[in-house]
Amino acid sequence: MEKIGNYKFAETDYKAESRDVLFALQEEFRNEVPALDSDGMISLAENYSMEQTLDVIKAFGQELSSTHLLYTVEEDSDSYLLTIIPKDEEDAFVSEMKVLKRKVTLMLQPRKKAGSRAKRFDFGKQLKGKVIKLNGNKLIFSFSLDRTYYSVPLSWNDKEKSNEFFYFDPQPVIIQSTMRQIDYIAEKDGHYAVCFTNPGPDPTSYIAVGNKLEDISKWETISKLERDEQYASIHRFCNCIWYGPDLFLSTVNRVFRIKNAMNGGSELITVLEFPVDYSLSSCLFTVKDSLFVLIQGKIYEWTKRGLLKKEGFNKCIFEMESSPHGPGHVFVINDEEVAFPEPKQFSRSSEIQTRNIFILNVRTCKVRTVECFRGGIKSAGKGKIIVLCDAHDMVKDKKNLPLMVIMDLNTGEQKSLPYGCLGSSEIHDIYLTRDNDLLFETDKGIIYPENLDEFLK
């Protein structure tokens, strides 16, 4: 709380979400203004969750204006100072701020008078669906395992910490719980490999192998990546993949090989190395019978030993021009082509922003591009990707920015889910059930849509 003269003020970030703005006002003024805790204010915050912060504040001021007035005071910072006063104290408040040489602005919506309700947005026909319940608040991760997910509690104490492998049916079905912190897991023909760290301060990354996901806690630990004090925050495995009987693993600057890891091999051999760089990630992938790695903006192909060939990642087939880092994932879309998004910095522009998806033929090294909206990208199988469009809270033309786009990169066919069919919510992530049904993670929870085909066009 900040006090100016005889008045207290709540502070909120200049780009705060509607719920955070309402929470800040409730914390300071709920005793004087009980309406802040009303269902009407809570639903108004939800209705305005994709609007700019200043528009949110004006909506709150408009909603309260039959009895109270919401003012901002000019502040040389990246925040808003907000106060709420009874209507009959307006003259006294304005006079005191003038004496203190503080500029204040009454927060009302354009072309609306004090006393009328705030404008609501009509989002039209809504997508119907059931909410999928997880036990406790969890973060969900997906790996290379088909439709199997890994969840981590958002908060826990040492006695109750538990991470779980599960699938959706559509309700979660737990396969196994583990105390290990899983960084990545790979599977091929019933052989599993996992990169993990143990609970506690030691950031050492371990590698274990096994044949049943249900017995992950019993898997044999075959090797480890020693701690590097100088680069501890990035000194862990990003990715692993089986290639024949061998296991390949990568960090942000190195690639390792464990020969014959399926049958007892354990020696961690460095096969590619760069100077330490704070890249976001690296990615190992196979196209038909060939192994590749995307690391620090370059794609290398693994050369098998031959009569005149040296074994190793000897051939760089692609190098990004716009970024030395590159994306953290590559999507294999057919027997010759892979796709990955253009690394791009986005601004807080009110215009809809796009970027390119590069489609690389790993045999000819030719590249084509497809434009897509900004947002997270997920695999949808069989050459398809799903772009989870974001930034609806920033753009003016929201109805021309879908919630998601399903793109077939082989045929060029696209289908979109329109903004508004989930109210003011965005889709933060997607999951697949064992029957290939889509689930949407939103701020309201994980939703199993019942009439999705009515909206996908």
Protein backbone atom coordinates (compact mmCIF):
# COMPACT_ATOMS: atom_id res chain seq x y z
CA MET A 1 0.00 0.00 0.00
CA GLU A 2 1.11 3.53 -0.75
CA LYS A 3 -0.36 6.62 0.84
CA ILE A 4 -0.60 10.06 -0.76
CA GLY A 5 -2.01 12.72 1.52
CA ASN A 6 -5.04 11.27 3.31
CA TYR A 7 -5.68 8.60 0.70
CA LYS A 8 -4.32 5.09 0.31
CA PHE A 9 -3.49 3.61 -3.08
CA ALA A 10 -3.18 0.10 -4.51
CA GLU A 11 -0.38 -0.55 -6.99
CA THR A 12 -0.58 -2.84 -10.00
CA ASP A 13 1.76 -3.51 -12.91
CA TYR A 14 1.06 -1.64 -16.15
CA LYS A 15 0.48 -4.96 -17.94
CA ALA A 16 -1.27 -6.82 -15.11
CA GLU A 17 -4.06 -9.25 -15.92
CA SER A 18 -7.63 -8.41 -14.92
CA ARG A 19 -7.66 -10.86 -12.00
CA ASP A 20 -4.47 -9.35 -10.61
CA VAL A 21 -5.88 -5.81 -10.86
CA LEU A 22 -9.04 -6.88 -9.04
CA PHE A 23 -7.02 -8.69 -6.38
CA ALA A 24 -4.91 -5.56 -5.74
CA LEU A 25 -8.09 -3.49 -5.29
CA GLN A 26 -9.68 -6.10 -3.05
CA GLU A 27 -6.62 -6.25 -0.81
CA GLU A 28 -6.72 -2.50 -0.12
CA PHE A 29 -10.38 -1.51 -0.39
CA ARG A 30 -12.65 -4.51 0.29
CA ASN A 31 -13.68 -3.18 3.73
CA GLU A 32 -14.76 0.18 2.28
CA VAL A 33 -16.10 -1.26 -1.00
CA PRO A 34 -17.73 -4.70 -0.45
CA ALA A 35 -18.82 -4.74 -4.10
CA LEU A 36 -15.24 -5.63 -5.05
CA ASP A 37 -15.93 -9.19 -3.83
CA SER A 38 -19.27 -9.50 -5.61
CA ASP A 39 -20.04 -12.07 -8.28
CA GLY A 40 -20.55 -9.20 -10.72
CA MET A 41 -16.99 -7.91 -10.29
CA ILE A 42 -15.52 -11.39 -10.48
CA SER A 43 -17.39 -12.16 -13.71
CA LEU A 44 -16.38 -8.75 -15.09
CA ALA A 45 -12.72 -9.60 -14.44
CA GLU A 46 -13.19 -12.88 -16.31
CA ASN A 47 -14.96 -11.11 -19.18
CA TYR A 48 -12.05 -8.67 -19.50
CA SER A 49 -9.24 -11.19 -19.06
CA MET A 50 -7.94 -10.63 -22.61
CA GLU A 51 -8.12 -6.83 -22.52
CA GLN A 52 -5.36 -4.28 -21.97
CA THR A 53 -4.74 -3.33 -18.33
CA LEU A 54 -5.93 0.26 -18.72
CA ASP A 55 -9.19 -0.92 -20.31
CA VAL A 56 -9.64 -3.33 -17.40
CA ILE A 57 -9.20 -0.51 -14.88
CA LYS A 58 -11.73 1.64 -16.73
CA ALA A 59 -14.23 -1.23 -16.71
CA PHE A 60 -13.82 -1.69 -12.95
CA GLY A 61 -14.21 2.06 -12.41
CA GLN A 62 -17.37 2.08 -14.53
CA GLU A 63 -18.87 -0.87 -12.64
CA LEU A 64 -18.30 0.81 -9.26
CA SER A 65 -19.38 4.29 -10.35
CA SER A 66 -22.90 4.22 -8.94
CA THR A 67 -21.46 4.58 -5.42
CA HIS A 68 -17.66 4.99 -5.72
CA LEU A 69 -15.09 6.48 -8.08
CA LEU A 70 -11.86 4.83 -9.18
CA TYR A 71 -8.95 7.19 -9.83
CA THR A 72 -5.38 6.75 -11.02
CA VAL A 73 -2.61 9.09 -9.98
CA GLU A 74 0.16 9.85 -12.46
CA GLU A 75 3.31 7.96 -11.54
CA ASP A 76 6.73 7.83 -13.20
CA SER A 77 6.97 4.02 -13.17
CA ASP A 78 5.78 0.88 -14.90
CA SER A 79 2.72 0.63 -12.68
CA TYR A 80 -0.67 2.14 -11.95
CA LEU A 81 -1.52 3.70 -8.58
CA LEU A 82 -5.24 3.25 -7.94
CA THR A 83 -7.57 4.59 -5.28
CA ILE A 84 -11.31 4.26 -4.69
CA ILE A 85 -13.29 7.05 -3.01
CA PRO A 86 -16.98 7.58 -2.21
CA LYS A 87 -18.67 9.73 -4.85
CA ASP A 88 -19.45 12.47 -2.36
CA GLU A 89 -15.73 12.91 -1.56
CA GLU A 90 -14.70 13.64 -5.15
CA ASP A 91 -14.27 17.41 -4.74
CA ALA A 92 -12.19 17.03 -1.57
CA PHE A 93 -10.00 14.36 -3.17
CA VAL A 94 -9.34 16.34 -6.36
CA SER A 95 -8.56 19.48 -4.33
CA GLU A 96 -6.08 17.68 -2.08
CA MET A 97 -4.29 16.06 -5.04
CA LYS A 98 -4.06 19.49 -6.69
CA VAL A 99 -2.44 20.95 -3.57
CA LEU A 100 0.01 18.02 -3.56
CA LYS A 101 0.67 18.61 -7.27
CA ARG A 102 -0.39 15.09 -8.23
CA LYS A 103 -2.27 14.62 -11.48
CA VAL A 104 -5.25 12.25 -11.19
CA THR A 105 -7.59 10.72 -13.78
CA LEU A 106 -11.09 9.37 -13.24
CA MET A 107 -11.41 5.85 -14.65
CA LEU A 108 -14.62 5.50 -16.67
CA GLN A 109 -15.28 3.87 -20.00
CA PRO A 110 -15.52 6.09 -23.12
CA ARG A 111 -18.97 7.49 -23.87
CA LYS A 112 -20.38 6.16 -20.61
CA LYS A 113 -21.64 8.20 -17.68
CA ALA A 114 -20.92 7.50 -14.03
CA GLY A 115 -23.58 5.24 -12.57
CA SER A 116 -24.09 2.96 -15.58
CA ARG A 117 -22.77 -0.62 -15.67
CA ALA A 118 -19.56 -1.51 -17.46
CA LYS A 119 -19.77 -2.89 -20.97
CA ARG A 120 -19.67 -6.69 -21.27
CA PHE A 121 -18.37 -8.63 -24.27
CA ASP A 122 -20.71 -11.09 -25.96
CA PHE A 123 -18.57 -14.00 -27.16
CA GLY A 124 -21.43 -15.71 -28.97
CA LYS A 125 -21.89 -19.48 -29.23
CA GLN A 126 -19.74 -21.40 -26.77
CA LEU A 127 -17.83 -24.66 -27.02
CA LYS A 128 -19.35 -27.22 -24.66
CA GLY A 129 -17.19 -29.54 -22.65
CA LYS A 130 -16.52 -31.37 -19.41
CA VAL A 131 -13.76 -30.22 -17.06
CA ILE A 132 -11.13 -32.89 -16.43
CA LYS A 133 -9.98 -32.99 -12.82
CA LEU A 134 -6.41 -33.65 -11.72
CA ASN A 135 -5.55 -34.49 -8.13
CA GLY A 136 -4.07 -31.21 -6.90
CA ASN A 137 -2.51 -28.37 -8.87
CA LYS A 138 -0.03 -29.84 -11.33
CA LEU A 139 2.22 -28.89 -14.21
CA ILE A 140 1.94 -31.35 -17.10
CA PHE A 141 4.77 -32.22 -19.48
CA SER A 142 4.81 -34.36 -22.61
CA PHE A 143 7.80 -36.26 -23.97
CA SER A 144 8.33 -38.53 -26.95
CA LEU A 145 6.06 -41.15 -25.40
CA ASP A 146 2.85 -41.52 -27.36
CA ARG A 147 -0.05 -39.87 -25.42
CA THR A 148 1.66 -40.46 -22.07
CA TYR A 149 2.22 -37.43 -19.85
CA TYR A 150 4.20 -36.53 -16.77
CA SER A 151 2.87 -34.26 -14.03
CA VAL A 152 4.66 -32.32 -11.30
CA PRO A 153 2.92 -30.65 -8.34
CA LEU A 154 3.00 -26.87 -8.42
CA SER A 155 3.70 -26.89 -4.71
CA TRP A 156 4.55 -29.63 -2.26
CA ASN A 157 6.40 -30.41 0.92
CA ASP A 158 9.14 -33.00 1.24
CA LYS A 159 6.83 -35.68 2.63
CA GLU A 160 4.19 -35.44 -0.08
CA LYS A 161 6.25 -34.74 -3.18
CA SER A 162 5.17 -37.07 -5.98
CA ASN A 163 5.49 -36.94 -9.77
CA GLU A 164 3.26 -39.11 -11.94
CA PHE A 165 3.11 -40.70 -15.38
CA PHE A 166 -0.45 -40.93 -16.68
CA TYR A 167 -2.70 -40.88 -19.73
CA PHE A 168 -6.13 -39.34 -20.35
CA ASP A 169 -9.14 -41.63 -20.82
CA PRO A 170 -10.40 -38.79 -20.71
CA GLN A 171 -10.02 -38.67 -16.91
CA PRO A 172 -6.36 -39.16 -15.86
CA VAL A 173 -5.24 -42.77 -15.37
CA ILE A 174 -2.01 -42.96 -13.34
CA ILE A 175 0.57 -45.43 -14.63
CA GLN A 176 3.30 -44.84 -12.05
CA SER A 177 4.43 -42.36 -9.39
CA THR A 178 8.07 -41.47 -8.81
CA MET A 179 10.18 -39.26 -6.55
CA ARG A 180 12.60 -38.58 -9.40
CA GLN A 181 12.52 -35.30 -11.30
CA ILE A 182 12.27 -36.38 -14.93
CA ASP A 183 13.99 -34.18 -17.53
CA TYR A 184 13.32 -36.39 -20.53
CA ILE A 185 12.24 -39.92 -21.41
CA ALA A 186 12.57 -41.94 -24.63
CA GLU A 187 11.14 -45.27 -25.75
CA LYS A 188 11.76 -47.64 -28.64
CA ASP A 189 10.38 -51.17 -29.06
CA GLY A 190 9.65 -51.48 -25.34
CA HIS A 191 13.06 -50.15 -24.25
CA TYR A 192 12.97 -47.01 -22.11
CA ALA A 193 15.61 -44.48 -21.12
CA VAL A 194 15.13 -41.60 -18.71
CA CYS A 195 17.18 -38.54 -17.76
CA PHE A 196 16.45 -37.47 -14.21
CA THR A 197 17.69 -35.63 -11.13
CA ASN A 198 17.02 -36.63 -7.52
CA PRO A 199 15.18 -34.32 -5.08
CA GLY A 200 17.47 -31.93 -3.24
CA PRO A 201 20.24 -29.43 -4.00
CA ASP A 202 22.40 -31.77 -6.13
CA PRO A 203 21.79 -30.91 -9.84
CA THR A 204 23.57 -34.02 -11.15
CA SER A 205 21.74 -35.58 -14.13
CA TYR A 206 21.43 -39.36 -14.16
CA ILE A 207 20.49 -41.85 -16.90
CA ALA A 208 18.48 -44.97 -16.18
CA VAL A 209 17.11 -47.68 -18.49
CA GLY A 210 14.32 -50.21 -18.16
CA ASN A 211 11.63 -52.19 -19.94
CA LYS A 212 8.42 -51.24 -18.06
CA LEU A 213 7.23 -47.73 -17.29
CA GLU A 214 5.33 -49.18 -14.32
CA ASP A 215 8.69 -50.14 -12.74
CA ILE A 216 10.52 -46.84 -13.34
CA SER A 217 11.70 -46.57 -9.74
CA LYS A 218 13.49 -49.92 -10.16
CA TRP A 219 15.29 -49.05 -13.40
CA GLU A 220 19.07 -49.42 -13.44
CA THR A 221 21.04 -46.16 -13.35
CA ILE A 222 23.79 -46.61 -15.94
CA SER A 223 25.56 -43.23 -16.08
CA LYS A 224 25.54 -39.63 -14.91
CA LEU A 225 26.52 -36.14 -16.06
CA GLU A 226 28.90 -34.68 -13.50
CA ARG A 227 28.06 -31.34 -11.94
CA ASP A 228 29.73 -28.27 -13.40
CA GLU A 229 29.77 -25.50 -10.75
CA GLN A 230 30.19 -22.68 -13.28
CA TYR A 231 27.34 -23.79 -15.57
CA ALA A 232 25.13 -25.75 -13.15
CA SER A 233 21.92 -24.07 -14.33
CA ILE A 234 22.30 -25.42 -17.89
CA HIS A 235 24.36 -28.54 -17.18
CA ARG A 236 21.60 -31.11 -17.63
CA PHE A 237 20.16 -33.24 -20.40
CA CYS A 238 17.58 -31.65 -22.72
CA ASN A 239 16.86 -34.66 -24.88
CA CYS A 240 17.58 -38.36 -25.45
CA ILE A 241 16.77 -40.85 -28.20
CA TRP A 242 17.39 -44.50 -29.03
CA TYR A 243 19.25 -45.14 -32.29
CA GLY A 244 19.64 -48.86 -32.82
CA PRO A 245 20.90 -50.30 -29.52
CA ASP A 246 22.69 -47.02 -28.70
CA LEU A 247 21.39 -44.11 -26.63
CA PHE A 248 22.13 -40.53 -27.70
CA LEU A 249 21.68 -37.61 -25.29
CA SER A 250 22.12 -33.85 -25.59
CA THR A 251 22.57 -30.75 -23.45
CA VAL A 252 22.48 -27.19 -24.79
CA ASN A 253 26.06 -27.50 -26.03
CA ARG A 254 27.02 -31.19 -26.15
CA VAL A 255 25.84 -34.48 -27.62
CA PHE A 256 26.71 -37.82 -26.00
CA ARG A 257 26.48 -41.46 -27.02
CA ILE A 258 26.19 -44.58 -24.86
CA LYS A 259 27.02 -47.54 -27.07
CA ASN A 260 24.79 -50.60 -26.69
CA ALA A 261 22.87 -49.05 -23.78
CA MET A 262 20.07 -51.55 -24.43
CA ASN A 263 22.39 -54.39 -23.46
CA GLY A 264 24.52 -53.08 -20.62
CA GLY A 265 26.57 -50.26 -22.17
CA SER A 266 27.15 -47.35 -19.79
CA GLU A 267 30.08 -45.20 -20.99
CA LEU A 268 29.03 -41.60 -21.75
CA ILE A 269 31.04 -40.53 -24.81
CA THR A 270 31.04 -36.94 -26.12
CA VAL A 271 30.45 -36.97 -29.89
CA LEU A 272 29.75 -33.24 -30.54
CA GLU A 273 30.63 -30.20 -28.47
CA PHE A 274 30.29 -26.41 -28.65
CA PRO A 275 31.43 -23.68 -26.28
CA VAL A 276 28.92 -23.19 -23.46
CA ASP A 277 26.02 -21.09 -24.71
CA TYR A 278 22.80 -20.22 -22.97
CA SER A 279 20.64 -21.74 -25.68
CA LEU A 280 17.14 -22.73 -24.71
CA SER A 281 17.36 -26.37 -25.72
CA SER A 282 18.54 -28.99 -28.20
CA CYS A 283 16.72 -31.76 -30.01
CA LEU A 284 17.60 -35.22 -31.32
CA PHE A 285 15.36 -36.79 -33.96
CA THR A 286 15.28 -39.49 -36.62
CA VAL A 287 13.97 -39.33 -40.17
CA LYS A 288 13.46 -42.82 -41.54
CA ASP A 289 16.80 -44.53 -40.71
CA SER A 290 18.92 -41.39 -40.16
CA LEU A 291 19.78 -39.58 -36.92
CA PHE A 292 19.98 -35.79 -36.61
CA VAL A 293 20.52 -33.20 -33.90
CA LEU A 294 19.40 -29.57 -33.78
CA ILE A 295 21.79 -27.71 -31.49
CA GLN A 296 22.63 -24.01 -31.26
CA GLY A 297 20.81 -23.20 -34.49
CA LYS A 298 22.46 -25.93 -36.58
CA ILE A 299 21.25 -29.33 -37.75
CA TYR A 300 23.83 -32.12 -38.03
CA GLU A 301 23.36 -35.59 -39.54
CA TRP A 302 24.98 -38.65 -37.96
CA THR A 303 27.35 -40.45 -40.34
CA LYS A 304 27.65 -44.19 -39.86
CA ARG A 305 31.04 -45.77 -40.09
CA GLY A 306 31.92 -46.82 -43.66
CA LEU A 307 34.84 -47.74 -45.83
CA LEU A 308 35.77 -44.09 -46.41
CA LYS A 309 33.47 -42.50 -43.83
CA LYS A 310 34.26 -41.26 -40.35
CA GLU A 311 31.57 -41.93 -37.77
CA GLY A 312 29.98 -38.93 -36.06
CA PHE A 313 27.95 -35.73 -36.52
CA ASN A 314 30.23 -34.63 -39.34
CA LYS A 315 27.74 -32.98 -41.68
CA CYS A 316 25.88 -29.73 -40.98
CA ILE A 317 22.87 -29.71 -43.30
CA PHE A 318 21.20 -26.50 -42.10
CA GLU A 319 22.11 -23.35 -40.20
CA MET A 320 19.68 -20.70 -39.07
CA GLU A 321 20.38 -17.14 -40.08
CA SER A 322 18.15 -15.32 -37.61
CA SER A 323 19.29 -16.91 -34.35
CA PRO A 324 22.23 -18.95 -33.06
CA HIS A 325 19.93 -20.74 -30.63
CA GLY A 326 17.01 -22.14 -32.54
CA PRO A 327 13.84 -23.86 -31.32
CA GLY A 328 13.75 -26.73 -28.87
CA HIS A 329 11.70 -29.12 -30.98
CA VAL A 330 11.63 -30.53 -34.50
CA PHE A 331 8.51 -32.10 -36.03
CA VAL A 332 9.05 -35.01 -38.43
CA ILE A 333 6.28 -34.70 -41.04
CA ASN A 334 7.17 -37.37 -43.63
CA ASP A 335 10.04 -39.62 -44.76
CA GLU A 336 12.15 -36.68 -45.95
CA GLU A 337 10.92 -33.48 -44.31
CA VAL A 338 10.99 -31.94 -40.86
CA ALA A 339 9.46 -28.70 -39.58
CA PHE A 340 10.51 -26.21 -36.92
CA PRO A 341 9.48 -22.64 -36.12
CA GLU A 342 11.54 -19.58 -36.91
CA PRO A 343 13.18 -18.22 -33.73
CA LYS A 344 11.69 -14.76 -33.39
CA GLN A 345 11.35 -12.07 -30.76
CA PHE A 346 7.79 -10.78 -30.52
CA SER A 347 6.79 -7.30 -29.39
CA ARG A 348 3.80 -6.16 -27.33
CA SER A 349 2.22 -4.81 -30.48
CA SER A 350 -1.55 -4.43 -30.80
CA GLU A 351 -1.26 -5.92 -34.30
CA ILE A 352 -1.54 -9.65 -35.02
CA GLN A 353 1.99 -11.07 -35.33
CA THR A 354 3.20 -14.02 -37.39
CA ARG A 355 6.33 -16.05 -37.98
CA ASN A 356 7.53 -18.67 -40.43
CA ILE A 357 7.70 -22.41 -40.04
CA PHE A 358 10.72 -23.81 -41.85
CA ILE A 359 10.16 -27.12 -43.64
CA LEU A 360 13.51 -28.74 -44.39
CA ASN A 361 14.10 -31.67 -46.73
CA VAL A 362 16.93 -33.50 -45.00
CA ARG A 363 17.93 -35.26 -48.23
CA THR A 364 18.10 -32.30 -50.61
CA CYS A 365 18.65 -29.64 -47.87
CA LYS A 366 16.06 -27.46 -49.58
CA VAL A 367 13.81 -25.31 -47.38
CA ARG A 368 10.28 -24.07 -47.86
CA THR A 369 8.34 -21.87 -45.45
CA VAL A 370 4.77 -21.66 -44.19
CA GLU A 371 3.48 -18.64 -42.30
CA CYS A 372 1.68 -19.11 -39.00
CA PHE A 373 0.46 -17.01 -36.09
CA ARG A 374 2.65 -16.53 -33.02
CA GLY A 375 2.08 -19.12 -30.32
CA GLY A 376 3.10 -22.53 -29.07
CA ILE A 377 3.37 -25.39 -31.56
CA LYS A 378 2.35 -28.98 -30.84
CA SER A 379 2.49 -32.15 -32.91
CA ALA A 380 -0.84 -33.52 -34.13
CA GLY A 381 0.62 -36.59 -35.87
CA LYS A 382 0.80 -37.59 -39.55
CA GLY A 383 2.44 -34.38 -40.73
CA LYS A 384 0.09 -32.10 -38.80
CA ILE A 385 0.88 -29.45 -36.23
CA ILE A 386 -1.33 -27.35 -33.98
CA VAL A 387 -0.49 -23.69 -33.40
CA LEU A 388 -1.86 -22.44 -30.07
CA CYS A 389 -2.31 -18.76 -30.88
CA ASP A 390 -1.58 -16.39 -28.02
CA ALA A 391 -1.44 -12.64 -27.27
CA HIS A 392 -5.21 -12.14 -27.45
CA ASP A 393 -4.75 -9.86 -24.44
CA MET A 394 -2.66 -7.48 -26.58
CA VAL A 395 -4.18 -7.41 -30.05
CA LYS A 396 -7.07 -5.16 -31.01
CA ASP A 397 -8.48 -7.36 -33.76
CA LYS A 398 -9.07 -10.41 -31.56
CA LYS A 399 -11.72 -12.02 -33.76
CA ASN A 400 -9.20 -12.36 -36.61
CA LEU A 401 -6.78 -14.23 -34.35
CA PRO A 402 -8.02 -17.83 -33.83
CA LEU A 403 -7.57 -19.77 -30.61
CA MET A 404 -5.70 -22.44 -32.54
CA VAL A 405 -4.92 -23.55 -36.07
CA ILE A 406 -4.48 -27.16 -37.20
CA MET A 407 -2.05 -27.20 -40.14
CA ASP A 408 -1.34 -30.16 -42.43
CA LEU A 409 2.20 -29.40 -43.62
CA ASN A 410 2.04 -32.05 -46.34
CA THR A 411 -1.19 -30.90 -48.03
CA GLY A 412 -1.40 -27.26 -46.89
CA GLU A 413 -4.90 -27.78 -45.44
CA GLN A 414 -5.75 -25.65 -42.38
CA LYS A 415 -8.60 -25.56 -39.85
CA SER A 416 -9.11 -22.88 -37.21
CA LEU A 417 -10.92 -22.64 -33.88
CA PRO A 418 -12.33 -19.10 -33.56
CA TYR A 419 -11.59 -16.76 -30.68
CA GLY A 420 -14.52 -16.37 -28.31
CA CYS A 421 -15.86 -19.94 -28.41
CA LEU A 422 -14.20 -20.45 -25.00
CA GLY A 423 -15.31 -17.05 -23.75
CA SER A 424 -12.33 -14.86 -22.95
CA SER A 425 -10.00 -17.85 -22.44
CA GLU A 426 -6.96 -18.83 -24.51
CA ILE A 427 -5.79 -22.41 -24.98
CA HIS A 428 -2.55 -22.80 -23.03
CA ASP A 429 -1.85 -26.41 -24.00
CA ILE A 430 -3.43 -29.44 -25.65
CA TYR A 431 -3.40 -33.14 -24.79
CA LEU A 432 -4.60 -36.27 -26.55
CA THR A 433 -6.55 -39.17 -25.09
CA ARG A 434 -5.73 -42.74 -26.04
CA ASP A 435 -8.56 -42.41 -28.61
CA ASN A 436 -6.92 -39.29 -30.15
CA ASP A 437 -9.54 -36.91 -28.75
CA LEU A 438 -8.30 -33.38 -28.08
CA LEU A 439 -8.27 -31.86 -24.60
CA PHE A 440 -7.76 -28.11 -24.06
CA GLU A 441 -5.97 -26.63 -21.07
CA THR A 442 -7.34 -23.16 -20.26
CA ASP A 443 -7.40 -20.94 -17.18
CA LYS A 444 -10.65 -22.72 -16.28
CA GLY A 445 -8.99 -26.13 -16.25
CA ILE A 446 -8.58 -28.96 -18.75
CA ILE A 447 -11.64 -29.21 -20.98
CA TYR A 448 -12.88 -32.23 -22.94
CA PRO A 449 -14.84 -30.56 -25.81
CA GLU A 450 -18.12 -32.17 -26.84
CA ASN A 451 -18.98 -30.20 -29.99
CA LEU A 452 -15.56 -29.34 -31.43
CA ASP A 453 -16.49 -30.12 -35.06
CA GLU A 454 -19.11 -27.35 -35.01
CA PHE A 455 -16.33 -24.75 -34.61
CA LEU A 456 -13.36 -26.11 -36.55
CA LYS A 457 -13.47 -24.53 -40.01
